[in-house]
Amino acid sequence: MKKRTKGIIMFAFLGGIMLTSGIVIAIPNIAPVESDENITITGTPADNYPDEQRDRFCGTGNAKSTSYIKEFKLPTVCAQPHAIATDPQGNIWIAESNTGNLAKFEPSTETFVEFENPMWPEGANAAMWGLDYSPDGTFWYTDTRTDSIWKFSIEEEKFDRISYPSETESFPQQIKVDGSKIIVNDLHGGKITFLDLAQSTGQLTYFSLPSPLEGYLAAGFDLDANNNLWYTNWLPQQGGILVKFDTEKYFDEFITIEESNDLPLGNFIEFYNFPPGMNTPNGLSVGPDGSIWIADTSSSNFFKFNPNDESFTRYVTSPPPLSSYGNFTGVVKTPVSRPYWTAFADDGRLVFNEQTANRIALFDINNEHLIEYLAPSKNPAWADCSPVDNTCGLAQMFSFTTSGEKIWFTQWAENNIGFVDTSIPLPYDVELSENNITLRKGESTEIIMTVTPTGSSDMSDVSFVSSTTATFSDLKVMSDVDKFQLDADAPRVIKVSVLAGQSALSGTHKVLLGIDANDVTVSKYISVKIIQ
């Protein structure tokens, strides 16, 4: 186990930063491609990109709306909105990763105010994954380009910078204000850093919790009701561990000993091995019941961890819509939705963004009811789209925040923000005849899905959708209908067959059954146990 790191850091100005136009975000293929093409000078942040790349990085169209989503274009061209958060007045704050500035959006007037960061290097851009509000009237956000944590005073309209404390390659990512402390995960450095804001001298003490696994990444994190910090420690496609750190016990003992002494971290840490299929766990949130929810970004899966019996449950989203990935060349063989970050709404439902499905998802953890809202804006440069198809692509919805019944999000590649209004009634309800079934190898059973229109909106053609956490050889799901017209006056009954393969492995799987109505997909899960 490495020793903890403690020290003193000061607010500082930027200095000696290389002025290059690149952004590296923790997913593949999002960095600008080197180009010899011309750069037409416009006097806007679009000048950070060659002409041929501006549609890809700055946006391709106007803000759009659906029955559930409304989008807004930022006033600054190519600002690349990234992290997003709210203040107590209900204003929406956005970190602009291609300008270094913050923007405030007032929902009541639907207007933006942008605050210029005078310390930002000209022509620089960054990844700004984390943004959080502090009760003292400040916002804190991360910046991977300059390895910084920024503080913005709302009252003074003033920016200050902290150089992120690290002795190795760092990637300050998510950020959370917790009382007098600021908590930041260093993705590449594999550590969690606690900044102590209790002092009023302009100096901040810090403590870095090193990775239990040498060289592994540290991604999303959250605190439970007992102030245990939960986070993931992993290598892409190689697995890892879920870590529990008793912060309350640690810091209680920390202040009772001389600062030069080190506490053995093993006394405060517990960890749990990942289950099969969890390969790239980014988002992590603690549920109202103390369960831990984790999004796996290299798949269509998200997971629940029950601390009481130390068990994992694997869930799967509905298949990504064709409009999100296109498959014009046929190169996409197995499209995945890539759940990215997680949070819990005020009503206790889990929210996560499906990056490569262009959707925001809302999951009721009690009745296992999933709603997926499809965003209308799309950028064809981020998918396998036909050159003439402007209805295909991804807006790169990297970040979101919840505020009452609205889920606010950013669209990094389209220069938009927007919200999902979860108070708007859904066009239909989905009910299943079974919640749990048991099958022997080679056996099948029939599930009745009843789709009942609510009369809340006009219905056109809808589609049956299904997904499963099992392999195709273990479980096969078939319905007696694919696409159909839903009669507004009567429920529609769909017969669904679930078949266990002759050589299926024993185990319990989640099967998602639902209906896709283009702008929204509504689904429920059944648990299928395969026995010998």
Protein backbone atom coordinates (compact mmCIF):
# COMPACT_ATOMS: atom_id res chain seq x y z
CA MET A 1 0.00 0.00 0.00
CA LYS A 2 1.36 3.43 -0.90
CA LYS A 3 1.55 6.06 1.77
CA ARG A 4 -0.99 8.83 1.65
CA THR A 5 0.08 12.20 0.35
CA LYS A 6 -0.56 15.36 2.25
CA GLY A 7 0.56 18.89 1.58
CA ILE A 8 -0.32 22.53 1.10
CA ILE A 9 -1.48 24.04 -2.19
CA MET A 10 -2.14 27.65 -3.11
CA PHE A 11 -4.43 29.37 -5.58
CA ALA A 12 -2.22 30.07 -8.55
CA PHE A 13 -2.19 31.68 -11.98
CA LEU A 14 -1.51 29.67 -15.09
CA GLY A 15 1.97 29.77 -16.45
CA GLY A 16 3.98 28.01 -19.11
CA ILE A 17 0.96 26.25 -20.66
CA MET A 18 1.43 25.02 -24.21
CA LEU A 19 -1.11 26.64 -26.49
CA THR A 20 -2.29 23.72 -28.59
CA SER A 21 -5.75 22.85 -29.81
CA GLY A 22 -6.43 19.36 -28.59
CA ILE A 23 -8.88 17.70 -26.25
CA VAL A 24 -8.51 14.27 -24.76
CA ILE A 25 -11.60 12.79 -23.17
CA ALA A 26 -11.75 9.40 -21.52
CA ILE A 27 -13.38 7.56 -24.42
CA PRO A 28 -11.85 6.41 -27.70
CA ASN A 29 -11.71 8.53 -30.84
CA ILE A 30 -12.77 11.89 -29.46
CA ALA A 31 -9.55 13.82 -30.01
CA PRO A 32 -9.26 16.08 -33.07
CA VAL A 33 -7.48 14.49 -35.99
CA GLU A 34 -4.32 16.22 -37.17
CA SER A 35 -5.05 18.04 -40.41
CA ASP A 36 -3.19 20.04 -43.03
CA GLU A 37 -6.40 21.78 -44.11
CA ASN A 38 -6.87 25.53 -43.88
CA ILE A 39 -8.16 27.35 -40.82
CA THR A 40 -10.48 30.21 -41.68
CA ILE A 41 -10.15 32.80 -38.94
CA THR A 42 -13.57 33.73 -37.55
CA GLY A 43 -12.61 35.26 -34.21
CA THR A 44 -14.59 32.52 -32.42
CA PRO A 45 -13.54 29.36 -30.57
CA ALA A 46 -14.16 27.48 -33.83
CA ASP A 47 -10.69 28.71 -34.83
CA ASN A 48 -9.28 25.97 -32.59
CA TYR A 49 -10.23 23.49 -35.35
CA PRO A 50 -9.46 23.23 -39.07
CA ASP A 51 -12.37 24.06 -41.35
CA GLU A 52 -12.94 20.40 -42.24
CA GLN A 53 -13.39 19.47 -38.55
CA ARG A 54 -15.71 22.27 -37.45
CA ASP A 55 -18.96 20.43 -38.07
CA ARG A 56 -17.60 17.53 -36.05
CA PHE A 57 -16.55 19.59 -33.04
CA CYS A 58 -18.72 22.71 -33.22
CA GLY A 59 -22.13 21.43 -34.33
CA THR A 60 -24.19 20.86 -37.42
CA GLY A 61 -27.60 22.41 -36.84
CA ASN A 62 -30.05 24.35 -34.74
CA ALA A 63 -31.30 23.28 -31.31
CA LYS A 64 -34.30 20.96 -31.57
CA SER A 65 -37.19 19.67 -29.47
CA THR A 66 -39.43 16.64 -29.01
CA SER A 67 -42.46 16.01 -26.83
CA TYR A 68 -40.12 15.40 -23.88
CA ILE A 69 -36.89 17.30 -24.66
CA LYS A 70 -36.10 20.94 -25.36
CA GLU A 71 -32.65 22.10 -26.45
CA PHE A 72 -30.92 25.50 -26.43
CA LYS A 73 -27.93 26.65 -28.49
CA LEU A 74 -25.12 28.37 -26.56
CA PRO A 75 -24.49 31.94 -27.71
CA THR A 76 -20.75 31.40 -28.22
CA VAL A 77 -19.93 29.37 -31.32
CA CYS A 78 -18.11 26.11 -30.58
CA ALA A 79 -18.03 26.64 -26.81
CA GLN A 80 -18.29 22.85 -26.36
CA PRO A 81 -20.44 22.67 -23.21
CA HIS A 82 -19.27 19.86 -20.97
CA ALA A 83 -19.93 19.65 -17.21
CA ILE A 84 -23.29 20.96 -15.96
CA ALA A 85 -24.76 21.73 -12.51
CA THR A 86 -27.46 23.80 -10.81
CA ASP A 87 -27.48 26.47 -8.11
CA PRO A 88 -30.08 26.91 -5.33
CA GLN A 89 -32.02 29.42 -7.46
CA GLY A 90 -32.54 26.82 -10.18
CA ASN A 91 -30.09 28.37 -12.64
CA ILE A 92 -28.12 25.99 -14.84
CA TRP A 93 -24.33 26.37 -14.96
CA ILE A 94 -22.15 25.00 -17.75
CA ALA A 95 -18.39 24.59 -18.12
CA GLU A 96 -17.31 25.51 -21.65
CA SER A 97 -14.43 23.20 -22.49
CA ASN A 98 -13.30 25.06 -25.62
CA THR A 99 -13.21 28.50 -23.96
CA GLY A 100 -12.41 27.87 -20.30
CA ASN A 101 -15.44 29.99 -19.39
CA LEU A 102 -18.56 29.32 -17.34
CA ALA A 103 -22.06 30.00 -18.62
CA LYS A 104 -25.26 30.47 -16.65
CA PHE A 105 -28.65 29.64 -18.14
CA GLU A 106 -31.79 31.08 -16.53
CA PRO A 107 -34.70 28.70 -17.28
CA SER A 108 -37.34 31.32 -16.45
CA THR A 109 -36.16 33.63 -19.25
CA GLU A 110 -34.31 31.05 -21.36
CA THR A 111 -31.27 33.33 -21.54
CA PHE A 112 -27.54 32.74 -21.16
CA VAL A 113 -24.91 34.80 -19.36
CA GLU A 114 -21.30 33.85 -20.02
CA PHE A 115 -18.41 34.63 -17.66
CA GLU A 116 -14.98 34.99 -19.25
CA ASN A 117 -12.04 33.37 -17.53
CA PRO A 118 -9.20 35.91 -17.92
CA MET A 119 -6.58 33.30 -16.96
CA TRP A 120 -7.49 30.86 -19.72
CA PRO A 121 -4.70 30.39 -22.31
CA GLU A 122 -5.64 31.63 -25.76
CA GLY A 123 -6.66 28.85 -28.09
CA ALA A 124 -6.67 26.16 -25.40
CA ASN A 125 -9.39 23.61 -24.83
CA ALA A 126 -9.86 20.90 -22.22
CA ALA A 127 -12.01 18.15 -20.81
CA MET A 128 -14.13 19.50 -17.96
CA TRP A 129 -15.99 16.54 -16.53
CA GLY A 130 -16.87 17.81 -13.06
CA LEU A 131 -18.78 20.88 -11.81
CA ASP A 132 -20.37 21.31 -8.39
CA TYR A 133 -21.87 24.08 -6.28
CA SER A 134 -20.63 25.02 -2.81
CA PRO A 135 -22.97 26.63 -0.24
CA ASP A 136 -20.57 29.58 0.09
CA GLY A 137 -21.75 30.75 -3.36
CA THR A 138 -18.96 29.29 -5.46
CA PHE A 139 -18.69 26.71 -8.21
CA TRP A 140 -15.81 24.26 -8.50
CA TYR A 141 -14.88 22.46 -11.71
CA THR A 142 -12.12 20.26 -13.10
CA ASP A 143 -9.87 20.88 -16.08
CA THR A 144 -7.68 18.13 -17.54
CA ARG A 145 -5.83 20.39 -19.97
CA THR A 146 -4.00 22.35 -17.29
CA ASP A 147 -4.41 19.72 -14.52
CA SER A 148 -6.44 22.22 -12.55
CA ILE A 149 -9.37 22.69 -10.26
CA TRP A 150 -11.10 26.02 -10.79
CA LYS A 151 -13.12 28.05 -8.32
CA PHE A 152 -15.65 30.65 -9.49
CA SER A 153 -17.25 33.13 -7.09
CA ILE A 154 -20.77 33.99 -8.26
CA GLU A 155 -20.92 37.23 -6.27
CA GLU A 156 -17.48 38.49 -7.29
CA GLU A 157 -17.59 36.92 -10.78
CA LYS A 158 -14.00 35.89 -10.14
CA PHE A 159 -12.00 32.82 -11.19
CA ASP A 160 -9.23 31.22 -9.13
CA ARG A 161 -7.14 28.19 -10.01
CA ILE A 162 -5.71 25.34 -7.98
CA SER A 163 -2.98 23.25 -9.54
CA TYR A 164 -4.10 19.67 -9.04
CA PRO A 165 -1.65 17.94 -6.66
CA SER A 166 -0.01 15.03 -8.44
CA GLU A 167 3.45 13.58 -8.94
CA THR A 168 2.47 11.52 -11.97
CA GLU A 169 0.22 11.88 -15.04
CA SER A 170 -3.15 13.07 -13.75
CA PHE A 171 -6.68 13.46 -15.05
CA PRO A 172 -8.87 15.32 -12.52
CA GLN A 173 -12.37 14.30 -13.50
CA GLN A 174 -15.49 14.28 -11.32
CA ILE A 175 -15.80 16.70 -8.39
CA LYS A 176 -18.07 16.76 -5.34
CA VAL A 177 -18.46 19.36 -2.59
CA ASP A 178 -18.93 17.64 0.78
CA GLY A 179 -19.13 20.14 3.64
CA SER A 180 -15.69 21.70 4.02
CA LYS A 181 -14.09 19.23 1.61
CA ILE A 182 -13.82 19.01 -2.15
CA ILE A 183 -13.47 15.44 -3.46
CA VAL A 184 -11.93 14.77 -6.90
CA ASN A 185 -11.09 11.53 -8.68
CA ASP A 186 -7.88 11.37 -10.67
CA LEU A 187 -8.74 8.92 -13.45
CA HIS A 188 -5.21 8.34 -14.77
CA GLY A 189 -3.49 8.75 -11.41
CA GLY A 190 -5.79 6.15 -9.89
CA LYS A 191 -6.45 8.14 -6.74
CA ILE A 192 -9.12 10.13 -4.92
CA THR A 193 -8.08 13.55 -3.58
CA PHE A 194 -9.70 15.36 -0.65
CA LEU A 195 -9.16 19.12 -0.49
CA ASP A 196 -9.87 20.68 2.91
CA LEU A 197 -11.59 24.07 2.55
CA ALA A 198 -11.95 24.76 6.27
CA GLN A 199 -9.04 27.21 6.41
CA SER A 200 -9.47 30.88 5.57
CA THR A 201 -5.83 31.68 4.88
CA GLY A 202 -5.89 31.05 1.15
CA GLN A 203 -4.13 27.74 1.68
CA LEU A 204 -5.78 24.35 1.27
CA THR A 205 -4.63 21.09 2.77
CA TYR A 206 -5.08 17.94 0.75
CA PHE A 207 -5.02 14.19 1.21
CA SER A 208 -4.73 11.70 -1.66
CA LEU A 209 -6.11 8.20 -1.29
CA PRO A 210 -3.93 6.00 -3.51
CA SER A 211 -5.16 3.17 -5.66
CA PRO A 212 -5.35 -0.19 -3.89
CA LEU A 213 -4.27 -1.69 -7.23
CA GLU A 214 -1.02 -0.28 -8.59
CA GLY A 215 -1.47 1.45 -11.95
CA TYR A 216 -5.27 1.11 -12.06
CA LEU A 217 -7.75 3.90 -12.87
CA ALA A 218 -10.09 5.60 -10.40
CA ALA A 219 -13.41 6.71 -11.89
CA GLY A 220 -16.81 7.77 -10.50
CA PHE A 221 -17.44 7.98 -6.77
CA ASP A 222 -20.13 8.78 -4.22
CA LEU A 223 -20.72 8.91 -0.46
CA ASP A 224 -23.29 6.80 1.37
CA ALA A 225 -25.34 7.79 4.43
CA ASN A 226 -22.50 6.71 6.74
CA ASN A 227 -19.90 8.81 4.87
CA ASN A 228 -18.28 5.79 3.29
CA LEU A 229 -16.72 6.72 -0.03
CA TRP A 230 -17.42 4.23 -2.82
CA TYR A 231 -15.43 4.25 -6.07
CA THR A 232 -14.14 1.91 -8.76
CA ASN A 233 -10.53 0.93 -9.43
CA TRP A 234 -9.96 -0.79 -12.79
CA LEU A 235 -8.15 -1.28 -16.06
CA PRO A 236 -10.13 -1.17 -19.34
CA GLN A 237 -11.39 -4.63 -20.32
CA GLN A 238 -9.35 -6.22 -17.50
CA GLY A 239 -11.65 -5.82 -14.53
CA GLY A 240 -10.97 -4.37 -11.13
CA ILE A 241 -12.53 -3.74 -7.73
CA LEU A 242 -15.27 -1.73 -6.06
CA VAL A 243 -13.68 0.15 -3.15
CA LYS A 244 -15.29 1.28 0.12
CA PHE A 245 -13.33 3.84 2.17
CA ASP A 246 -14.49 4.81 5.67
CA THR A 247 -13.86 8.57 5.45
CA GLU A 248 -15.51 9.41 8.77
CA LYS A 249 -13.40 6.98 10.76
CA TYR A 250 -10.24 7.97 8.90
CA PHE A 251 -10.57 11.71 9.30
CA ASP A 252 -11.68 11.37 12.94
CA GLU A 253 -8.39 9.59 13.64
CA PHE A 254 -6.44 11.86 11.32
CA ILE A 255 -7.08 14.96 13.41
CA THR A 256 -6.09 13.22 16.64
CA ILE A 257 -2.55 12.32 15.56
CA GLU A 258 0.45 14.36 14.56
CA GLU A 259 0.35 15.40 10.95
CA SER A 260 3.64 13.66 10.21
CA ASN A 261 2.25 10.24 11.11
CA ASP A 262 0.63 7.97 8.59
CA LEU A 263 -2.39 5.84 9.30
CA PRO A 264 -2.43 2.34 7.76
CA LEU A 265 -5.06 2.73 5.04
CA GLY A 266 -5.85 -0.97 5.12
CA ASN A 267 -7.73 -0.37 8.37
CA PHE A 268 -10.24 1.84 6.54
CA ILE A 269 -10.66 0.15 3.15
CA GLU A 270 -12.77 -2.78 1.97
CA PHE A 271 -13.02 -3.92 -1.63
CA TYR A 272 -15.11 -6.26 -3.76
CA ASN A 273 -14.10 -7.93 -7.02
CA PHE A 274 -16.00 -6.93 -10.15
CA PRO A 275 -18.48 -9.44 -11.60
CA PRO A 276 -18.05 -10.76 -15.15
CA GLY A 277 -19.08 -8.22 -17.76
CA MET A 278 -18.06 -5.11 -15.79
CA ASN A 279 -15.13 -3.78 -17.81
CA THR A 280 -15.26 0.03 -17.90
CA PRO A 281 -17.17 1.29 -14.85
CA ASN A 282 -17.33 5.08 -14.95
CA GLY A 283 -20.48 6.42 -13.29
CA LEU A 284 -21.22 5.41 -9.69
CA SER A 285 -24.03 6.56 -7.39
CA VAL A 286 -25.39 5.46 -4.02
CA GLY A 287 -29.14 4.82 -4.05
CA PRO A 288 -31.66 5.91 -1.42
CA ASP A 289 -31.62 2.36 -0.02
CA GLY A 290 -27.81 2.24 0.21
CA SER A 291 -27.35 0.17 -2.96
CA ILE A 292 -24.47 1.09 -5.27
CA TRP A 293 -25.24 1.66 -8.97
CA ILE A 294 -22.49 1.54 -11.58
CA ALA A 295 -22.53 2.29 -15.33
CA ASP A 296 -20.31 0.23 -17.64
CA THR A 297 -19.20 2.38 -20.56
CA SER A 298 -17.87 -0.31 -22.88
CA SER A 299 -21.20 -2.15 -23.06
CA SER A 300 -24.96 -1.63 -22.69
CA ASN A 301 -24.86 -2.71 -19.04
CA PHE A 302 -25.35 -1.11 -15.67
CA PHE A 303 -25.00 -2.85 -12.31
CA LYS A 304 -26.41 -2.85 -8.80
CA PHE A 305 -24.24 -3.79 -5.82
CA ASN A 306 -26.02 -4.78 -2.60
CA PRO A 307 -23.69 -4.08 0.35
CA ASN A 308 -25.79 -6.28 2.64
CA ASP A 309 -25.15 -9.57 0.82
CA GLU A 310 -22.24 -8.30 -1.33
CA SER A 311 -24.02 -9.33 -4.55
CA PHE A 312 -24.01 -7.73 -7.99
CA THR A 313 -27.05 -7.61 -10.31
CA ARG A 314 -26.50 -6.86 -13.98
CA TYR A 315 -29.01 -4.91 -16.11
CA VAL A 316 -29.02 -4.01 -19.80
CA THR A 317 -30.50 -1.08 -21.72
CA SER A 318 -32.67 -1.43 -24.81
CA PRO A 319 -30.73 -1.68 -28.10
CA PRO A 320 -29.38 1.65 -29.42
CA PRO A 321 -31.58 3.12 -32.16
CA LEU A 322 -30.24 2.84 -35.69
CA SER A 323 -30.27 6.64 -35.92
CA SER A 324 -27.55 6.85 -33.28
CA TYR A 325 -24.95 4.70 -35.05
CA GLY A 326 -26.15 4.58 -38.67
CA ASN A 327 -24.20 1.54 -39.85
CA PHE A 328 -23.99 2.96 -43.36
CA THR A 329 -20.89 0.85 -44.14
CA GLY A 330 -22.03 -2.15 -42.14
CA VAL A 331 -19.00 -1.95 -39.86
CA VAL A 332 -21.10 -1.90 -36.65
CA LYS A 333 -21.76 -5.53 -35.77
CA THR A 334 -22.87 -5.22 -32.15
CA PRO A 335 -24.01 -1.69 -31.26
CA VAL A 336 -23.87 -0.79 -27.57
CA SER A 337 -25.45 2.13 -25.71
CA ARG A 338 -22.47 2.93 -23.40
CA PRO A 339 -24.07 4.08 -20.13
CA TYR A 340 -21.63 6.69 -18.82
CA TRP A 341 -22.45 8.68 -15.66
CA THR A 342 -25.09 8.12 -13.00
CA ALA A 343 -27.07 10.20 -10.49
CA PHE A 344 -30.25 9.92 -8.47
CA ALA A 345 -33.16 12.29 -9.10
CA ASP A 346 -35.14 13.85 -6.26
CA ASP A 347 -37.79 11.13 -6.58
CA GLY A 348 -35.23 8.35 -6.02
CA ARG A 349 -34.97 7.17 -9.62
CA LEU A 350 -31.59 6.46 -11.20
CA VAL A 351 -30.54 8.69 -14.10
CA PHE A 352 -27.78 7.85 -16.56
CA ASN A 353 -26.69 8.99 -20.00
CA GLU A 354 -26.34 6.46 -22.84
CA GLN A 355 -23.53 8.08 -24.78
CA THR A 356 -23.67 6.07 -28.02
CA ALA A 357 -27.46 5.73 -28.02
CA ASN A 358 -27.98 9.52 -27.79
CA ARG A 359 -30.35 8.97 -24.86
CA ILE A 360 -31.01 9.94 -21.26
CA ALA A 361 -32.35 7.05 -19.18
CA LEU A 362 -34.53 7.06 -16.05
CA PHE A 363 -34.72 3.83 -14.05
CA ASP A 364 -37.04 3.08 -11.14
CA ILE A 365 -34.92 0.85 -8.90
CA ASN A 366 -37.99 -0.42 -7.02
CA ASN A 367 -40.19 -1.72 -9.86
CA GLU A 368 -37.41 -2.05 -12.48
CA HIS A 369 -39.14 0.27 -14.94
CA LEU A 370 -36.83 1.89 -17.53
CA ILE A 371 -37.61 4.99 -19.61
CA GLU A 372 -35.15 6.09 -22.30
CA TYR A 373 -35.52 9.53 -23.92
CA LEU A 374 -33.94 10.02 -27.36
CA ALA A 375 -32.39 13.45 -27.98
CA PRO A 376 -33.35 15.09 -31.28
CA SER A 377 -29.98 16.71 -32.13
CA LYS A 378 -27.43 14.45 -33.79
CA ASN A 379 -23.98 14.95 -35.24
CA PRO A 380 -23.27 12.53 -38.13
CA ALA A 381 -19.50 12.93 -37.76
CA TRP A 382 -19.59 10.73 -34.64
CA ALA A 383 -21.34 7.72 -36.19
CA ASP A 384 -21.35 5.53 -39.30
CA CYS A 385 -23.85 7.73 -41.12
CA SER A 386 -24.65 8.15 -44.78
CA PRO A 387 -23.04 11.34 -46.18
CA VAL A 388 -26.51 12.67 -47.04
CA ASP A 389 -28.29 11.65 -43.80
CA ASN A 390 -28.67 14.49 -41.29
CA THR A 391 -30.96 12.47 -39.03
CA CYS A 392 -28.15 10.16 -37.90
CA GLY A 393 -25.38 10.62 -35.35
CA LEU A 394 -24.46 11.54 -31.79
CA ALA A 395 -24.63 14.87 -29.99
CA GLN A 396 -22.14 13.58 -27.36
CA MET A 397 -24.33 14.01 -24.28
CA PHE A 398 -21.47 13.68 -21.82
CA SER A 399 -22.87 15.27 -18.68
CA PHE A 400 -26.19 15.89 -16.96
CA THR A 401 -27.72 17.19 -13.73
CA THR A 402 -31.14 16.86 -12.16
CA SER A 403 -33.35 19.72 -10.99
CA GLY A 404 -36.84 18.86 -9.79
CA GLU A 405 -38.62 17.00 -12.58
CA LYS A 406 -36.10 18.05 -15.23
CA ILE A 407 -32.87 16.37 -16.28
CA TRP A 408 -30.51 18.94 -17.80
CA PHE A 409 -27.74 17.79 -20.13
CA THR A 410 -24.98 19.10 -22.38
CA GLN A 411 -24.41 18.20 -26.03
CA TRP A 412 -20.68 18.69 -26.45
CA ALA A 413 -20.57 18.07 -30.21
CA GLU A 414 -23.62 20.22 -31.02
CA ASN A 415 -22.96 23.22 -28.71
CA ASN A 416 -26.32 22.74 -26.98
CA ILE A 417 -27.77 22.23 -23.56
CA GLY A 418 -31.24 20.84 -23.03
CA PHE A 419 -33.60 19.21 -20.60
CA VAL A 420 -35.83 16.17 -20.35
CA ASP A 421 -39.17 16.99 -18.72
CA THR A 422 -39.99 13.82 -16.80
CA SER A 423 -43.36 15.23 -15.68
CA ILE A 424 -44.80 14.80 -19.18
CA PRO A 425 -46.98 11.65 -19.25
CA LEU A 426 -45.73 8.73 -21.28
CA PRO A 427 -47.80 7.68 -24.33
CA TYR A 428 -48.40 4.16 -23.02
CA ASP A 429 -47.91 1.83 -20.06
CA VAL A 430 -46.16 -1.55 -20.24
CA GLU A 431 -47.13 -4.45 -17.97
CA LEU A 432 -45.69 -7.98 -17.91
CA SER A 433 -47.50 -11.11 -16.81
CA GLU A 434 -44.42 -12.39 -14.96
CA ASN A 435 -41.56 -10.82 -13.04
CA ASN A 436 -39.60 -14.00 -12.32
CA ILE A 437 -39.37 -17.27 -14.24
CA THR A 438 -37.26 -20.42 -13.92
CA LEU A 439 -36.27 -22.52 -16.92
CA ARG A 440 -34.38 -25.73 -17.37
CA LYS A 441 -32.01 -26.10 -20.31
CA GLY A 442 -34.03 -26.42 -23.52
CA GLU A 443 -37.25 -25.19 -21.90
CA SER A 444 -39.28 -22.18 -23.00
CA THR A 445 -42.12 -20.14 -21.58
CA GLU A 446 -44.49 -17.43 -22.75
CA ILE A 447 -44.72 -13.93 -21.26
CA ILE A 448 -47.67 -11.66 -21.95
CA MET A 449 -46.82 -8.00 -22.46
CA THR A 450 -49.78 -5.62 -22.31
CA VAL A 451 -49.29 -2.19 -23.87
CA THR A 452 -51.95 0.30 -22.81
CA PRO A 453 -52.17 3.74 -24.51
CA THR A 454 -52.59 6.62 -22.07
CA GLY A 455 -54.04 9.11 -24.54
CA SER A 456 -51.30 11.59 -23.66
CA SER A 457 -50.10 11.92 -27.26
CA ASP A 458 -50.77 10.72 -30.78
CA MET A 459 -49.41 7.27 -31.50
CA SER A 460 -47.81 6.19 -34.74
CA ASP A 461 -45.94 3.00 -35.52
CA VAL A 462 -44.17 1.53 -32.51
CA SER A 463 -41.71 -1.34 -32.17
CA PHE A 464 -41.17 -4.21 -29.77
CA VAL A 465 -37.67 -4.18 -28.22
CA SER A 466 -35.83 -6.67 -26.07
CA SER A 467 -32.40 -7.16 -24.53
CA THR A 468 -30.87 -9.66 -22.19
CA THR A 469 -27.78 -9.91 -20.02
CA ALA A 470 -27.34 -13.52 -21.19
CA THR A 471 -25.61 -14.61 -24.37
CA PHE A 472 -27.78 -15.52 -27.35
CA SER A 473 -26.93 -19.19 -26.93
CA ASP A 474 -28.15 -19.13 -23.31
CA LEU A 475 -31.39 -17.21 -23.82
CA LYS A 476 -33.42 -16.38 -26.91
CA VAL A 477 -36.29 -13.85 -26.78
CA MET A 478 -38.92 -13.73 -29.55
CA SER A 479 -42.25 -11.93 -29.94
CA ASP A 480 -45.27 -12.47 -32.16
CA VAL A 481 -45.00 -8.92 -33.49
CA ASP A 482 -42.21 -6.49 -34.40
CA LYS A 483 -43.56 -3.15 -35.61
CA PHE A 484 -47.22 -2.35 -35.25
CA GLN A 485 -49.83 0.41 -34.99
CA LEU A 486 -51.02 0.95 -31.44
CA ASP A 487 -54.76 1.50 -31.26
CA ALA A 488 -55.49 4.52 -29.08
CA ASP A 489 -58.72 2.97 -27.79
CA ALA A 490 -57.58 -0.47 -26.66
CA PRO A 491 -54.60 -2.23 -25.07
CA ARG A 492 -52.37 -4.36 -27.26
CA VAL A 493 -51.34 -7.84 -26.10
CA ILE A 494 -47.97 -9.14 -27.24
CA LYS A 495 -46.85 -12.74 -26.75
CA VAL A 496 -43.16 -13.10 -25.91
CA SER A 497 -41.34 -16.45 -25.90
CA VAL A 498 -38.25 -16.93 -23.75
CA LEU A 499 -36.16 -20.00 -24.58
CA ALA A 500 -33.20 -21.40 -22.63
CA GLY A 501 -30.57 -22.99 -24.87
CA GLN A 502 -29.80 -26.68 -24.69
CA SER A 503 -26.26 -25.90 -23.51
CA ALA A 504 -27.14 -22.81 -21.46
CA LEU A 505 -25.08 -22.12 -18.35
CA SER A 506 -26.87 -22.04 -15.03
CA GLY A 507 -27.47 -18.58 -13.60
CA THR A 508 -29.89 -15.68 -13.27
CA HIS A 509 -30.28 -13.08 -16.00
CA LYS A 510 -32.26 -9.90 -16.56
CA VAL A 511 -34.44 -9.70 -19.68
CA LEU A 512 -35.70 -6.31 -20.82
CA LEU A 513 -39.01 -6.15 -22.72
CA GLY A 514 -40.37 -2.88 -24.00
CA ILE A 515 -41.87 -0.67 -26.67
CA ASP A 516 -40.05 1.98 -28.69
CA ALA A 517 -42.04 4.97 -29.95
CA ASN A 518 -39.08 6.79 -31.53
CA ASP A 519 -38.76 9.67 -29.03
CA VAL A 520 -39.17 7.45 -25.96
CA THR A 521 -38.71 3.78 -25.09
CA VAL A 522 -40.55 2.23 -22.14
CA SER A 523 -39.45 -1.14 -20.76
CA LYS A 524 -39.61 -3.48 -17.79
CA TYR A 525 -37.42 -6.36 -16.66
CA ILE A 526 -38.03 -9.97 -15.74
CA SER A 527 -35.55 -12.20 -13.94
CA VAL A 528 -34.86 -15.52 -15.67
CA LYS A 529 -33.16 -18.27 -13.68
CA ILE A 530 -31.66 -21.13 -15.68
CA ILE A 531 -31.21 -24.38 -13.79
CA GLN A 532 -29.82 -27.80 -14.69
